């Protein structure tokens, strides 16, 4: 799974939104497994199906909490999160 730097940074910053310690630690571990590519524009993670589902759930939660303006339109963070959700939703597993 290849993420953009803004996607990764947005997730890392908003881990505090997770109230259950076990879930927060799991997501921290998932994000910690990744490595930046040499040009620092991409972040590559090797993830399992369960980890993708965790990232998808968390991204949706963050989108609902901070990603929309008063008219329910995506703000700047929302656009980044929507692109991440789209990417996670398109992953095909063998």
C-alpha atoms as a PDB file:
ATOM      1  CA  UNK A   1       0.000   0.000   0.000  1.00  0.00           C
ATOM      2  CA  UNK A   2       1.499   3.325  -1.026  1.00  0.00           C
ATOM      3  CA  UNK A   3       0.235   6.459   0.692  1.00  0.00           C
ATOM      4  CA  UNK A   4       1.028  10.098   0.132  1.00  0.00           C
ATOM      5  CA  UNK A   5       2.849  11.979   2.852  1.00  0.00           C
ATOM      6  CA  UNK A   6      -0.203  14.193   3.584  1.00  0.00           C
ATOM      7  CA  UNK A   7      -2.353  11.068   4.070  1.00  0.00           C
ATOM      8  CA  UNK A   8       0.108   9.547   6.545  1.00  0.00           C
ATOM      9  CA  UNK A   9       0.662  12.790   8.438  1.00  0.00           C
ATOM     10  CA  UNK A  10      -3.078  13.396   8.755  1.00  0.00           C
ATOM     11  CA  UNK A  11      -3.607   9.922  10.210  1.00  0.00           C
ATOM     12  CA  UNK A  12      -0.693  10.240  12.630  1.00  0.00           C
ATOM     13  CA  UNK A  13      -1.835  13.634  13.888  1.00  0.00           C
ATOM     14  CA  UNK A  14      -5.370  12.426  14.533  1.00  0.00           C
ATOM     15  CA  UNK A  15      -4.594   9.176  16.350  1.00  0.00           C
ATOM     16  CA  UNK A  16      -5.623  10.987  19.531  1.00  0.00           C
ATOM     17  CA  UNK A  17      -9.236  10.816  18.315  1.00  0.00           C
ATOM     18  CA  UNK A  18      -9.239   7.109  19.135  1.00  0.00           C
ATOM     19  CA  UNK A  19     -10.432   6.696  22.683  1.00  0.00           C
ATOM     20  CA  UNK A  20      -9.677   2.984  23.025  1.00  0.00           C
ATOM     21  CA  UNK A  21      -5.998   2.544  23.831  1.00  0.00           C
ATOM     22  CA  UNK A  22      -5.763  -0.876  22.165  1.00  0.00           C
ATOM     23  CA  UNK A  23      -7.115   0.452  18.851  1.00  0.00           C
ATOM     24  CA  UNK A  24      -4.840   3.499  18.970  1.00  0.00           C
ATOM     25  CA  UNK A  25      -1.775   1.330  19.623  1.00  0.00           C
ATOM     26  CA  UNK A  26      -2.739  -1.027  16.793  1.00  0.00           C
ATOM     27  CA  UNK A  27      -2.961   1.853  14.320  1.00  0.00           C
ATOM     28  CA  UNK A  28       0.319   3.309  15.587  1.00  0.00           C
ATOM     29  CA  UNK A  29       1.962  -0.061  14.925  1.00  0.00           C
ATOM     30  CA  UNK A  30       0.458  -0.257  11.432  1.00  0.00           C
ATOM     31  CA  UNK A  31       1.720   3.221  10.522  1.00  0.00           C
ATOM     32  CA  UNK A  32       5.129   2.551  12.093  1.00  0.00           C
ATOM     33  CA  UNK A  33       5.698  -0.387   9.706  1.00  0.00           C
ATOM     34  CA  UNK A  34       5.891   1.918   6.713  1.00  0.00           C
ATOM     35  CA  UNK A  35       8.953   3.435   5.099  1.00  0.00           C
ATOM     36  CA  UNK A  36       9.364   6.617   3.099  1.00  0.00           C
ATOM     37  CA  UNK A  37      10.575   6.274  -0.467  1.00  0.00           C
ATOM     38  CA  UNK A  38      13.856   7.975  -1.330  1.00  0.00           C
ATOM     39  CA  UNK A  39      12.151  11.087  -2.715  1.00  0.00           C
ATOM     40  CA  UNK A  40      10.039  11.387   0.485  1.00  0.00           C
ATOM     41  CA  UNK A  41       6.854  11.856  -1.544  1.00  0.00           C
ATOM     42  CA  UNK A  42       5.434   8.404  -0.801  1.00  0.00           C
ATOM     43  CA  UNK A  43       5.060   6.162   2.224  1.00  0.00           C
ATOM     44  CA  UNK A  44       4.940   2.404   1.649  1.00  0.00           C
ATOM     45  CA  UNK A  45       3.230   0.017   4.059  1.00  0.00           C
ATOM     46  CA  UNK A  46       2.958  -3.766   3.932  1.00  0.00           C
ATOM     47  CA  UNK A  47      -0.429  -4.468   5.447  1.00  0.00           C
ATOM     48  CA  UNK A  48      -2.811  -7.355   5.985  1.00  0.00           C
ATOM     49  CA  UNK A  49      -6.509  -7.387   5.151  1.00  0.00           C
ATOM     50  CA  UNK A  50      -7.346  -6.703   8.804  1.00  0.00           C
ATOM     51  CA  UNK A  51      -4.931  -3.772   8.917  1.00  0.00           C
ATOM     52  CA  UNK A  52      -6.466  -2.251   5.787  1.00  0.00           C
ATOM     53  CA  UNK A  53      -9.887  -2.576   7.409  1.00  0.00           C
ATOM     54  CA  UNK A  54      -8.564  -0.860  10.554  1.00  0.00           C
ATOM     55  CA  UNK A  55      -7.129   1.980   8.458  1.00  0.00           C
ATOM     56  CA  UNK A  56     -10.377   2.266   6.521  1.00  0.00           C
ATOM     57  CA  UNK A  57     -12.474   2.457   9.708  1.00  0.00           C
ATOM     58  CA  UNK A  58     -10.143   5.023  11.262  1.00  0.00           C
ATOM     59  CA  UNK A  59     -10.044   7.148   8.102  1.00  0.00           C
ATOM     60  CA  UNK A  60     -13.839   7.221   8.016  1.00  0.00           C
ATOM     61  CA  UNK A  61     -13.997   8.234  11.675  1.00  0.00           C
ATOM     62  CA  UNK A  62     -11.515  11.051  11.178  1.00  0.00           C
ATOM     63  CA  UNK A  63     -13.359  12.188   8.041  1.00  0.00           C
ATOM     64  CA  UNK A  64     -16.609  12.479  10.007  1.00  0.00           C
ATOM     65  CA  UNK A  65     -14.944  14.312  12.893  1.00  0.00           C
ATOM     66  CA  UNK A  66     -12.676  16.819  11.152  1.00  0.00           C
ATOM     67  CA  UNK A  67     -13.058  16.413   7.393  1.00  0.00           C
ATOM     68  CA  UNK A  68     -16.271  18.299   6.663  1.00  0.00           C
ATOM     69  CA  UNK A  69     -17.262  21.946   6.682  1.00  0.00           C
ATOM     70  CA  UNK A  70     -20.608  23.350   7.886  1.00  0.00           C
ATOM     71  CA  UNK A  71     -22.289  22.463   4.588  1.00  0.00           C
ATOM     72  CA  UNK A  72     -21.081  18.841   4.830  1.00  0.00           C
ATOM     73  CA  UNK A  73     -18.609  19.404   2.023  1.00  0.00           C
ATOM     74  CA  UNK A  74     -15.071  18.031   2.419  1.00  0.00           C
ATOM     75  CA  UNK A  75     -12.531  20.555   3.659  1.00  0.00           C
ATOM     76  CA  UNK A  76      -8.811  20.255   2.845  1.00  0.00           C
ATOM     77  CA  UNK A  77      -8.347  17.397   5.317  1.00  0.00           C
ATOM     78  CA  UNK A  78     -11.528  15.780   4.052  1.00  0.00           C
ATOM     79  CA  UNK A  79     -10.261  15.719   0.476  1.00  0.00           C
ATOM     80  CA  UNK A  80      -7.071  13.962   1.639  1.00  0.00           C
ATOM     81  CA  UNK A  81      -9.066  11.481   3.713  1.00  0.00           C
ATOM     82  CA  UNK A  82     -11.519  10.773   0.890  1.00  0.00           C
ATOM     83  CA  UNK A  83      -8.621   9.958  -1.433  1.00  0.00           C
ATOM     84  CA  UNK A  84      -7.208   7.601   1.199  1.00  0.00           C
ATOM     85  CA  UNK A  85     -10.592   5.906   1.717  1.00  0.00           C
ATOM     86  CA  UNK A  86     -10.948   5.468  -2.049  1.00  0.00           C
ATOM     87  CA  UNK A  87      -7.482   3.935  -2.249  1.00  0.00           C
ATOM     88  CA  UNK A  88      -8.115   1.558   0.662  1.00  0.00           C
ATOM     89  CA  UNK A  89     -11.491   0.544  -0.756  1.00  0.00           C
ATOM     90  CA  UNK A  90      -9.975  -0.396  -4.132  1.00  0.00           C
ATOM     91  CA  UNK A  91      -7.395  -2.833  -2.756  1.00  0.00           C
ATOM     92  CA  UNK A  92      -7.853  -6.264  -4.289  1.00  0.00           C
ATOM     93  CA  UNK A  93      -6.752  -9.310  -2.316  1.00  0.00           C
ATOM     94  CA  UNK A  94      -5.745 -12.649  -3.824  1.00  0.00           C
END
